[in-house]
Amino acid sequence: MLTPTLIAVIGPVEPALLTAWIGHYRRLGVERFLLAFHFAEHVPNVLRHELQAVCRRSGITPSGTSGGPWHEHTNTRIRDTLRQQAGRGWHLFADADEFQQYPAPLLDVIAQAERTRRQVVGGLLLDRVAANGHLTAFNPTSGLNLDGTYPLGGHLTHRLLHGDPRKIVLARHDIPLASGNHRAPGHRPDPDRLCAVHHFKWRAGVLDDLRRRVHHFSTGLWREQSPAVREEAGRFLTHVDRHQGRVNVSDPRLAFRRVSLDRMPHSWPAEARAVHTTWQPPAPSSRWPGGQ
């Protein structure tokens, strides 16, 4: 059985994060990476060149680099172009801040899906933050890896931001995916075999990114398909403003505890199943700015 092709649209992340991301998926057994860069107008040229250099040092030739507004449909359009290039077989989907953790080796996960006649494999976001909740920079030269820098994992995305924490992490080549890889219309993943998607989004610089997103979507500089993404960003900004610039890791609703990329949380199968099967979009009355 061939390993899946990893498909990703990469934005302006730290070069160290992209290096760690490539290494993580290589350790999972991924051999083929189909990556495309997209940079909005504010991204400096030096960062663009550094990220492209990371790929070259890793033996990966990006499939393309584009620039301009990051409309909500931009990622989907580029992703689907990459899928056409990837061809037949299984495709793996991961944003550059998403590090997937499987309950079994990757090829075994795919074999199990095929035995049960499922065309997709699902995952659930596990948001990673620093121990004190501060939006810390990832700097591996300090001696800390991702687990050391962001040791806590919890359910920030859906319990605070009311965002969709469900992900399609693997899909057959002919299965269409919704925006953000959250759903595959007409196909349900096995809720008892969900991947943990360690979500390292909450780092230094995220506040500027979210404020830019709110402004650009609100003013129409970037086109949105619904207000959901902008409202999730607003909820996070409201939350950190109320907590002196940090995530309130002591809030029991968010269920933060120490986790690791080396070992899945022992409670994960039941925990993930409960969230995945019961999550619903927020009612209009609960929309931002009501973050706590």
C-alpha atoms as a PDB file:
ATOM      1  CA  MET A   1       0.000   0.000   0.000  1.00  0.00           C
ATOM      2  CA  LEU A   2       1.288   3.452  -0.910  1.00  0.00           C
ATOM      3  CA  THR A   3       1.575   6.097   1.787  1.00  0.00           C
ATOM      4  CA  PRO A   4      -0.810   9.037   1.391  1.00  0.00           C
ATOM      5  CA  THR A   5       0.181  12.245  -0.346  1.00  0.00           C
ATOM      6  CA  LEU A   6       0.268  15.160   2.091  1.00  0.00           C
ATOM      7  CA  ILE A   7      -1.531  18.213   0.709  1.00  0.00           C
ATOM      8  CA  ALA A   8      -1.194  21.614   2.348  1.00  0.00           C
ATOM      9  CA  VAL A   9      -1.456  25.325   1.632  1.00  0.00           C
ATOM     10  CA  ILE A  10       1.246  27.094   3.648  1.00  0.00           C
ATOM     11  CA  GLY A  11       1.075  30.693   4.831  1.00  0.00           C
ATOM     12  CA  PRO A  12       3.580  32.866   6.713  1.00  0.00           C
ATOM     13  CA  VAL A  13       4.502  30.562   9.597  1.00  0.00           C
ATOM     14  CA  GLU A  14       7.857  30.552  11.379  1.00  0.00           C
ATOM     15  CA  PRO A  15      10.539  28.616   9.460  1.00  0.00           C
ATOM     16  CA  ALA A  16      11.234  26.592  12.615  1.00  0.00           C
ATOM     17  CA  LEU A  17       7.595  25.494  12.777  1.00  0.00           C
ATOM     18  CA  LEU A  18       7.578  24.429   9.132  1.00  0.00           C
ATOM     19  CA  THR A  19      10.798  22.472   9.705  1.00  0.00           C
ATOM     20  CA  ALA A  20       9.250  20.669  12.682  1.00  0.00           C
ATOM     21  CA  TRP A  21       6.045  20.038  10.709  1.00  0.00           C
ATOM     22  CA  ILE A  22       7.857  18.385   7.803  1.00  0.00           C
ATOM     23  CA  GLY A  23       9.868  16.249  10.215  1.00  0.00           C
ATOM     24  CA  HIS A  24       6.740  15.190  12.087  1.00  0.00           C
ATOM     25  CA  TYR A  25       4.965  13.933   8.972  1.00  0.00           C
ATOM     26  CA  ARG A  26       8.078  12.215   7.686  1.00  0.00           C
ATOM     27  CA  ARG A  27       8.231  10.309  10.979  1.00  0.00           C
ATOM     28  CA  LEU A  28       4.603   9.265  10.420  1.00  0.00           C
ATOM     29  CA  GLY A  29       5.715   7.748   7.119  1.00  0.00           C
ATOM     30  CA  VAL A  30       4.671  10.408   4.600  1.00  0.00           C
ATOM     31  CA  GLU A  31       6.949  10.320   1.558  1.00  0.00           C
ATOM     32  CA  ARG A  32       5.239  12.682  -0.877  1.00  0.00           C
ATOM     33  CA  PHE A  33       4.512  16.317  -0.013  1.00  0.00           C
ATOM     34  CA  LEU A  34       2.454  18.525  -2.328  1.00  0.00           C
ATOM     35  CA  LEU A  35       2.751  22.007  -0.828  1.00  0.00           C
ATOM     36  CA  ALA A  36       1.811  25.429  -2.150  1.00  0.00           C
ATOM     37  CA  PHE A  37       2.607  28.771  -0.555  1.00  0.00           C
ATOM     38  CA  HIS A  38       0.227  31.693  -0.459  1.00  0.00           C
ATOM     39  CA  PHE A  39       1.362  35.012   0.967  1.00  0.00           C
ATOM     40  CA  ALA A  40      -0.819  38.045   1.595  1.00  0.00           C
ATOM     41  CA  GLU A  41       0.502  41.526   0.906  1.00  0.00           C
ATOM     42  CA  HIS A  42       1.852  42.146   4.413  1.00  0.00           C
ATOM     43  CA  VAL A  43       4.287  39.189   4.387  1.00  0.00           C
ATOM     44  CA  PRO A  44       7.919  40.376   4.016  1.00  0.00           C
ATOM     45  CA  ASN A  45       9.997  38.941   1.194  1.00  0.00           C
ATOM     46  CA  VAL A  46      12.652  37.676   3.584  1.00  0.00           C
ATOM     47  CA  LEU A  47      10.126  35.355   5.268  1.00  0.00           C
ATOM     48  CA  ARG A  48       8.898  34.082   1.920  1.00  0.00           C
ATOM     49  CA  HIS A  49      12.463  33.197   0.923  1.00  0.00           C
ATOM     50  CA  GLU A  50      13.185  31.553   4.292  1.00  0.00           C
ATOM     51  CA  LEU A  51      10.153  29.286   4.035  1.00  0.00           C
ATOM     52  CA  GLN A  52      11.005  28.277   0.503  1.00  0.00           C
ATOM     53  CA  ALA A  53      14.539  27.517   1.700  1.00  0.00           C
ATOM     54  CA  VAL A  54      13.141  25.209   4.394  1.00  0.00           C
ATOM     55  CA  CYS A  55      11.450  23.181   1.665  1.00  0.00           C
ATOM     56  CA  ARG A  56      14.611  23.024  -0.441  1.00  0.00           C
ATOM     57  CA  ARG A  57      16.671  21.819   2.526  1.00  0.00           C
ATOM     58  CA  SER A  58      14.029  19.163   3.157  1.00  0.00           C
ATOM     59  CA  GLY A  59      14.111  17.960  -0.441  1.00  0.00           C
ATOM     60  CA  ILE A  60      10.638  19.296  -1.243  1.00  0.00           C
ATOM     61  CA  THR A  61       9.869  21.333  -4.345  1.00  0.00           C
ATOM     62  CA  PRO A  62       6.779  23.501  -3.721  1.00  0.00           C
ATOM     63  CA  SER A  63       4.073  23.089  -6.327  1.00  0.00           C
ATOM     64  CA  GLY A  64       3.530  26.838  -6.502  1.00  0.00           C
ATOM     65  CA  THR A  65       3.686  30.196  -4.779  1.00  0.00           C
ATOM     66  CA  SER A  66       0.967  32.814  -5.022  1.00  0.00           C
ATOM     67  CA  GLY A  67       0.253  36.157  -3.421  1.00  0.00           C
ATOM     68  CA  GLY A  68      -2.539  38.609  -2.783  1.00  0.00           C
ATOM     69  CA  PRO A  69      -5.627  38.707  -0.562  1.00  0.00           C
ATOM     70  CA  TRP A  70      -6.370  35.619   1.494  1.00  0.00           C
ATOM     71  CA  HIS A  71     -10.070  35.328   0.660  1.00  0.00           C
ATOM     72  CA  GLU A  72     -11.867  32.561   2.495  1.00  0.00           C
ATOM     73  CA  HIS A  73     -12.091  30.533  -0.710  1.00  0.00           C
ATOM     74  CA  THR A  74      -8.369  30.916  -1.493  1.00  0.00           C
ATOM     75  CA  ASN A  75      -7.212  27.951   0.573  1.00  0.00           C
ATOM     76  CA  THR A  76      -9.933  25.698  -0.831  1.00  0.00           C
ATOM     77  CA  ARG A  77      -9.130  26.625  -4.419  1.00  0.00           C
ATOM     78  CA  ILE A  78      -5.409  25.948  -4.024  1.00  0.00           C
ATOM     79  CA  ARG A  79      -6.036  22.750  -2.045  1.00  0.00           C
ATOM     80  CA  ASP A  80      -8.251  21.322  -4.771  1.00  0.00           C
ATOM     81  CA  THR A  81      -5.676  22.158  -7.439  1.00  0.00           C
ATOM     82  CA  LEU A  82      -3.083  20.238  -5.422  1.00  0.00           C
ATOM     83  CA  ARG A  83      -5.474  17.301  -5.112  1.00  0.00           C
ATOM     84  CA  GLN A  84      -5.783  17.136  -8.885  1.00  0.00           C
ATOM     85  CA  GLN A  85      -1.991  17.024  -9.117  1.00  0.00           C
ATOM     86  CA  ALA A  86      -1.785  14.341  -6.437  1.00  0.00           C
ATOM     87  CA  GLY A  87      -3.842  11.857  -8.420  1.00  0.00           C
ATOM     88  CA  ARG A  88      -5.373   8.629  -7.176  1.00  0.00           C
ATOM     89  CA  GLY A  89      -5.058   7.111  -3.732  1.00  0.00           C
ATOM     90  CA  TRP A  90      -5.342   8.558  -0.238  1.00  0.00           C
ATOM     91  CA  HIS A  91      -4.693  12.224   0.521  1.00  0.00           C
ATOM     92  CA  LEU A  92      -3.616  13.562   3.924  1.00  0.00           C
ATOM     93  CA  PHE A  93      -4.612  17.126   4.864  1.00  0.00           C
ATOM     94  CA  ALA A  94      -2.822  19.218   7.475  1.00  0.00           C
ATOM     95  CA  ASP A  95      -2.359  22.939   7.986  1.00  0.00           C
ATOM     96  CA  ALA A  96       1.141  24.018   8.968  1.00  0.00           C
ATOM     97  CA  ASP A  97       0.109  24.387  12.624  1.00  0.00           C
ATOM     98  CA  GLU A  98      -1.599  20.961  12.756  1.00  0.00           C
ATOM     99  CA  PHE A  99       0.406  17.944  13.934  1.00  0.00           C
ATOM    100  CA  GLN A 100      -1.669  14.786  13.639  1.00  0.00           C
ATOM    101  CA  GLN A 101      -1.388  11.905  16.100  1.00  0.00           C
ATOM    102  CA  TYR A 102      -2.864   8.530  15.171  1.00  0.00           C
ATOM    103  CA  PRO A 103      -3.879   5.587  17.366  1.00  0.00           C
ATOM    104  CA  ALA A 104      -1.986   3.217  15.031  1.00  0.00           C
ATOM    105  CA  PRO A 105       0.638   3.425  12.254  1.00  0.00           C
ATOM    106  CA  LEU A 106      -0.602   5.474   9.301  1.00  0.00           C
ATOM    107  CA  LEU A 107      -0.861   2.574   6.859  1.00  0.00           C
ATOM    108  CA  ASP A 108      -2.758   0.536   9.451  1.00  0.00           C
ATOM    109  CA  VAL A 109      -5.211   3.421   9.875  1.00  0.00           C
ATOM    110  CA  ILE A 110      -5.826   3.494   6.127  1.00  0.00           C
ATOM    111  CA  ALA A 111      -6.139  -0.295   5.937  1.00  0.00           C
ATOM    112  CA  GLN A 112      -8.738  -0.238   8.726  1.00  0.00           C
ATOM    113  CA  ALA A 113     -10.729   2.440   6.874  1.00  0.00           C
ATOM    114  CA  GLU A 114     -10.695   0.351   3.706  1.00  0.00           C
ATOM    115  CA  ARG A 115     -11.760  -2.808   5.557  1.00  0.00           C
ATOM    116  CA  THR A 116     -14.772  -0.967   6.948  1.00  0.00           C
ATOM    117  CA  ARG A 117     -15.525   0.655   3.560  1.00  0.00           C
ATOM    118  CA  ARG A 118     -14.968   4.190   4.814  1.00  0.00           C
ATOM    119  CA  GLN A 119     -13.685   6.781   2.373  1.00  0.00           C
ATOM    120  CA  VAL A 120     -12.458   9.252   5.023  1.00  0.00           C
ATOM    121  CA  VAL A 121     -10.669   9.292   8.381  1.00  0.00           C
ATOM    122  CA  GLY A 122     -11.551  11.964  10.908  1.00  0.00           C
ATOM    123  CA  GLY A 123      -9.727  13.918  13.563  1.00  0.00           C
ATOM    124  CA  LEU A 124     -10.443  16.414  16.315  1.00  0.00           C
ATOM    125  CA  LEU A 125      -8.509  19.553  17.206  1.00  0.00           C
ATOM    126  CA  LEU A 126      -6.540  19.475  20.465  1.00  0.00           C
ATOM    127  CA  ASP A 127      -5.462  23.078  21.051  1.00  0.00           C
ATOM    128  CA  ARG A 128      -1.917  23.455  22.418  1.00  0.00           C
ATOM    129  CA  VAL A 129      -0.843  26.392  24.594  1.00  0.00           C
ATOM    130  CA  ALA A 130       2.007  27.432  26.878  1.00  0.00           C
ATOM    131  CA  ALA A 131       1.836  26.370  30.522  1.00  0.00           C
ATOM    132  CA  ASN A 132       0.974  29.910  31.678  1.00  0.00           C
ATOM    133  CA  GLY A 133      -1.366  30.633  28.767  1.00  0.00           C
ATOM    134  CA  HIS A 134       0.893  33.284  27.259  1.00  0.00           C
ATOM    135  CA  LEU A 135       1.186  33.449  23.466  1.00  0.00           C
ATOM    136  CA  THR A 136       4.760  32.234  23.376  1.00  0.00           C
ATOM    137  CA  ALA A 137       7.094  32.192  20.370  1.00  0.00           C
ATOM    138  CA  PHE A 138       8.371  28.827  19.144  1.00  0.00           C
ATOM    139  CA  ASN A 139      12.168  28.963  19.331  1.00  0.00           C
ATOM    140  CA  PRO A 140      13.793  25.513  19.254  1.00  0.00           C
ATOM    141  CA  THR A 141      17.244  27.077  19.734  1.00  0.00           C
ATOM    142  CA  SER A 142      16.169  27.669  23.347  1.00  0.00           C
ATOM    143  CA  GLY A 143      16.298  23.908  23.849  1.00  0.00           C
ATOM    144  CA  LEU A 144      12.522  23.432  23.956  1.00  0.00           C
ATOM    145  CA  ASN A 145      10.621  21.466  21.342  1.00  0.00           C
ATOM    146  CA  LEU A 146       6.916  21.950  20.626  1.00  0.00           C
ATOM    147  CA  ASP A 147       5.857  19.805  23.574  1.00  0.00           C
ATOM    148  CA  GLY A 148       8.144  21.758  25.867  1.00  0.00           C
ATOM    149  CA  THR A 149       6.990  25.153  24.602  1.00  0.00           C
ATOM    150  CA  TYR A 150       3.277  24.326  24.507  1.00  0.00           C
ATOM    151  CA  PRO A 151       2.771  21.501  27.026  1.00  0.00           C
ATOM    152  CA  LEU A 152      -0.971  21.926  27.577  1.00  0.00           C
ATOM    153  CA  GLY A 153      -3.724  20.599  25.344  1.00  0.00           C
ATOM    154  CA  GLY A 154      -7.409  21.404  25.602  1.00  0.00           C
ATOM    155  CA  HIS A 155     -10.636  22.250  23.829  1.00  0.00           C
ATOM    156  CA  LEU A 156     -10.348  25.958  23.133  1.00  0.00           C
ATOM    157  CA  THR A 157     -11.652  25.948  19.545  1.00  0.00           C
ATOM    158  CA  HIS A 158     -15.167  24.699  20.161  1.00  0.00           C
ATOM    159  CA  ARG A 159     -15.725  25.481  23.829  1.00  0.00           C
ATOM    160  CA  LEU A 160     -14.513  29.094  23.704  1.00  0.00           C
ATOM    161  CA  LEU A 161     -14.531  30.126  20.049  1.00  0.00           C
ATOM    162  CA  HIS A 162     -17.552  27.993  18.997  1.00  0.00           C
ATOM    163  CA  GLY A 163     -15.532  26.876  15.987  1.00  0.00           C
ATOM    164  CA  ASP A 164     -15.807  23.485  14.305  1.00  0.00           C
ATOM    165  CA  PRO A 165     -13.128  21.228  15.873  1.00  0.00           C
ATOM    166  CA  ARG A 166     -13.773  18.323  13.501  1.00  0.00           C
ATOM    167  CA  LYS A 167     -11.271  17.606  10.748  1.00  0.00           C
ATOM    168  CA  ILE A 168     -11.055  15.249   7.818  1.00  0.00           C
ATOM    169  CA  VAL A 169      -7.427  14.158   8.022  1.00  0.00           C
ATOM    170  CA  LEU A 170      -7.434  11.473   5.315  1.00  0.00           C
ATOM    171  CA  ALA A 171      -9.673  11.023   2.291  1.00  0.00           C
ATOM    172  CA  ARG A 172      -9.713   9.063  -0.938  1.00  0.00           C
ATOM    173  CA  HIS A 173      -8.780  11.135  -3.962  1.00  0.00           C
ATOM    174  CA  ASP A 174     -12.355  11.390  -5.293  1.00  0.00           C
ATOM    175  CA  ILE A 175     -14.027  12.537  -2.060  1.00  0.00           C
ATOM    176  CA  PRO A 176     -14.757  16.310  -2.070  1.00  0.00           C
ATOM    177  CA  LEU A 177     -14.021  18.248   1.109  1.00  0.00           C
ATOM    178  CA  ALA A 178     -15.641  21.355   2.547  1.00  0.00           C
ATOM    179  CA  SER A 179     -13.713  24.520   3.348  1.00  0.00           C
ATOM    180  CA  GLY A 180     -11.139  24.080   6.092  1.00  0.00           C
ATOM    181  CA  ASN A 181     -11.201  20.273   5.718  1.00  0.00           C
ATOM    182  CA  HIS A 182     -13.880  20.127   8.407  1.00  0.00           C
ATOM    183  CA  ARG A 183     -16.322  17.877   6.549  1.00  0.00           C
ATOM    184  CA  ALA A 184     -16.680  15.544   3.595  1.00  0.00           C
ATOM    185  CA  PRO A 185     -20.351  15.937   2.625  1.00  0.00           C
ATOM    186  CA  GLY A 186     -22.025  12.550   2.489  1.00  0.00           C
ATOM    187  CA  HIS A 187     -19.230  10.746   4.322  1.00  0.00           C
ATOM    188  CA  ARG A 188     -18.813  10.211   8.054  1.00  0.00           C
ATOM    189  CA  PRO A 189     -15.538   9.170   9.654  1.00  0.00           C
ATOM    190  CA  ASP A 190     -15.451   6.421  12.251  1.00  0.00           C
ATOM    191  CA  PRO A 191     -16.108   8.257  15.554  1.00  0.00           C
ATOM    192  CA  ASP A 192     -14.253   5.556  17.507  1.00  0.00           C
ATOM    193  CA  ARG A 193     -10.971   6.016  15.610  1.00  0.00           C
ATOM    194  CA  LEU A 194     -10.376   9.752  15.575  1.00  0.00           C
ATOM    195  CA  CYS A 195      -6.940  11.253  15.142  1.00  0.00           C
ATOM    196  CA  ALA A 196      -5.764  13.874  17.647  1.00  0.00           C
ATOM    197  CA  VAL A 197      -4.907  17.020  15.675  1.00  0.00           C
ATOM    198  CA  HIS A 198      -2.494  18.932  17.908  1.00  0.00           C
ATOM    199  CA  HIS A 199      -3.223  22.550  17.023  1.00  0.00           C
ATOM    200  CA  PHE A 200      -0.257  24.867  17.596  1.00  0.00           C
ATOM    201  CA  LYS A 201      -2.021  28.029  16.485  1.00  0.00           C
ATOM    202  CA  TRP A 202      -1.853  29.954  19.748  1.00  0.00           C
ATOM    203  CA  ARG A 203       1.688  31.333  19.421  1.00  0.00           C
ATOM    204  CA  ALA A 204       3.320  34.745  19.401  1.00  0.00           C
ATOM    205  CA  GLY A 205       1.991  36.786  16.489  1.00  0.00           C
ATOM    206  CA  VAL A 206      -1.463  35.237  16.431  1.00  0.00           C
ATOM    207  CA  LEU A 207      -3.130  38.384  17.800  1.00  0.00           C
ATOM    208  CA  ASP A 208      -1.860  40.499  14.897  1.00  0.00           C
ATOM    209  CA  ASP A 209      -3.030  37.812  12.471  1.00  0.00           C
ATOM    210  CA  LEU A 210      -6.494  37.677  14.004  1.00  0.00           C
ATOM    211  CA  ARG A 211      -6.892  41.472  14.169  1.00  0.00           C
ATOM    212  CA  ARG A 212      -5.904  41.653  10.506  1.00  0.00           C
ATOM    213  CA  ARG A 213      -8.406  38.932   9.663  1.00  0.00           C
ATOM    214  CA  VAL A 214     -11.239  40.717  11.464  1.00  0.00           C
ATOM    215  CA  HIS A 215     -10.406  44.037   9.783  1.00  0.00           C
ATOM    216  CA  HIS A 216      -9.940  42.658   6.286  1.00  0.00           C
ATOM    217  CA  PHE A 217     -13.071  40.506   6.341  1.00  0.00           C
ATOM    218  CA  SER A 218     -15.140  43.287   7.937  1.00  0.00           C
ATOM    219  CA  THR A 219     -14.097  45.844   5.337  1.00  0.00           C
ATOM    220  CA  GLY A 220     -14.296  43.500   2.363  1.00  0.00           C
ATOM    221  CA  LEU A 221     -10.564  43.580   1.584  1.00  0.00           C
ATOM    222  CA  TRP A 222     -10.752  39.818   1.992  1.00  0.00           C
ATOM    223  CA  ARG A 223     -13.962  38.082   0.920  1.00  0.00           C
ATOM    224  CA  GLU A 224     -15.638  35.725   3.362  1.00  0.00           C
ATOM    225  CA  GLN A 225     -18.179  32.995   2.740  1.00  0.00           C
ATOM    226  CA  SER A 226     -19.773  33.400   6.164  1.00  0.00           C
ATOM    227  CA  PRO A 227     -18.992  35.500   9.258  1.00  0.00           C
ATOM    228  CA  ALA A 228     -17.952  32.412  11.256  1.00  0.00           C
ATOM    229  CA  VAL A 229     -14.179  32.743  10.858  1.00  0.00           C
ATOM    230  CA  ARG A 230     -14.224  36.452  11.686  1.00  0.00           C
ATOM    231  CA  GLU A 231     -16.435  35.877  14.703  1.00  0.00           C
ATOM    232  CA  GLU A 232     -14.198  33.100  16.050  1.00  0.00           C
ATOM    233  CA  ALA A 233     -11.245  35.478  15.803  1.00  0.00           C
ATOM    234  CA  GLY A 234     -13.228  38.137  17.643  1.00  0.00           C
ATOM    235  CA  ARG A 235     -14.069  35.758  20.458  1.00  0.00           C
ATOM    236  CA  PHE A 236     -10.411  34.918  20.971  1.00  0.00           C
ATOM    237  CA  LEU A 237      -9.373  38.577  20.974  1.00  0.00           C
ATOM    238  CA  THR A 238     -12.081  39.336  23.536  1.00  0.00           C
ATOM    239  CA  HIS A 239     -10.913  36.460  25.729  1.00  0.00           C
ATOM    240  CA  VAL A 240      -7.242  37.431  25.828  1.00  0.00           C
ATOM    241  CA  ASP A 241      -8.136  41.075  26.431  1.00  0.00           C
ATOM    242  CA  ARG A 242     -10.047  39.958  29.528  1.00  0.00           C
ATOM    243  CA  HIS A 243      -7.122  37.839  30.736  1.00  0.00           C
ATOM    244  CA  GLN A 244      -4.164  40.203  30.326  1.00  0.00           C
ATOM    245  CA  GLY A 245      -3.061  38.898  26.944  1.00  0.00           C
ATOM    246  CA  ARG A 246      -3.143  35.197  27.670  1.00  0.00           C
ATOM    247  CA  VAL A 247      -5.399  32.136  27.460  1.00  0.00           C
ATOM    248  CA  ASN A 248      -7.103  31.339  30.751  1.00  0.00           C
ATOM    249  CA  VAL A 249      -5.715  27.805  31.112  1.00  0.00           C
ATOM    250  CA  SER A 250      -7.340  27.400  34.531  1.00  0.00           C
ATOM    251  CA  ASP A 251     -10.867  27.583  33.097  1.00  0.00           C
ATOM    252  CA  PRO A 252     -12.218  24.033  33.634  1.00  0.00           C
ATOM    253  CA  ARG A 253     -14.445  24.301  30.543  1.00  0.00           C
ATOM    254  CA  LEU A 254     -11.365  24.267  28.334  1.00  0.00           C
ATOM    255  CA  ALA A 255     -10.004  21.054  29.913  1.00  0.00           C
ATOM    256  CA  PHE A 256      -6.329  21.953  29.563  1.00  0.00           C
ATOM    257  CA  ARG A 257      -3.871  19.304  30.787  1.00  0.00           C
ATOM    258  CA  ARG A 258      -0.384  18.125  29.900  1.00  0.00           C
ATOM    259  CA  VAL A 259      -0.216  16.190  26.651  1.00  0.00           C
ATOM    260  CA  SER A 260       2.491  15.043  24.248  1.00  0.00           C
ATOM    261  CA  LEU A 261       3.011  14.301  20.574  1.00  0.00           C
ATOM    262  CA  ASP A 262       4.610  11.017  21.655  1.00  0.00           C
ATOM    263  CA  ARG A 263       1.557   9.556  23.382  1.00  0.00           C
ATOM    264  CA  MET A 264      -2.172  10.058  22.860  1.00  0.00           C
ATOM    265  CA  PRO A 265      -4.127  11.096  25.967  1.00  0.00           C
ATOM    266  CA  HIS A 266      -5.447   7.926  27.597  1.00  0.00           C
ATOM    267  CA  SER A 267      -8.978   9.324  27.551  1.00  0.00           C
ATOM    268  CA  TRP A 268      -8.819  10.392  23.913  1.00  0.00           C
ATOM    269  CA  PRO A 269     -11.094   7.823  22.161  1.00  0.00           C
ATOM    270  CA  ALA A 270     -14.110   8.506  24.391  1.00  0.00           C
ATOM    271  CA  GLU A 271     -13.353  12.211  24.730  1.00  0.00           C
ATOM    272  CA  ALA A 272     -12.996  12.763  20.989  1.00  0.00           C
ATOM    273  CA  ARG A 273     -16.055  10.674  20.168  1.00  0.00           C
ATOM    274  CA  ALA A 274     -18.225  12.675  22.558  1.00  0.00           C
ATOM    275  CA  VAL A 275     -17.196  15.997  21.007  1.00  0.00           C
ATOM    276  CA  HIS A 276     -17.253  14.801  17.401  1.00  0.00           C
ATOM    277  CA  THR A 277     -20.751  13.335  17.586  1.00  0.00           C
ATOM    278  CA  THR A 278     -22.408  16.169  19.523  1.00  0.00           C
ATOM    279  CA  TRP A 279     -20.788  19.362  18.198  1.00  0.00           C
ATOM    280  CA  GLN A 280     -23.201  21.854  16.649  1.00  0.00           C
ATOM    281  CA  PRO A 281     -22.611  25.326  15.151  1.00  0.00           C
ATOM    282  CA  PRO A 282     -23.396  28.146  17.583  1.00  0.00           C
ATOM    283  CA  ALA A 283     -26.864  29.616  17.622  1.00  0.00           C
ATOM    284  CA  PRO A 284     -27.035  33.182  16.243  1.00  0.00           C
ATOM    285  CA  SER A 285     -27.671  34.561  19.730  1.00  0.00           C
ATOM    286  CA  SER A 286     -24.320  33.243  20.994  1.00  0.00           C
ATOM    287  CA  ARG A 287     -22.159  34.871  18.360  1.00  0.00           C
ATOM    288  CA  TRP A 288     -19.198  37.140  19.115  1.00  0.00           C
ATOM    289  CA  PRO A 289     -18.479  39.375  20.987  1.00  0.00           C
ATOM    290  CA  GLY A 290     -19.624  37.109  23.802  1.00  0.00           C
ATOM    291  CA  GLY A 291     -16.259  35.390  24.484  1.00  0.00           C
ATOM    292  CA  GLN A 292     -15.439  34.741  28.119  1.00  0.00           C
END
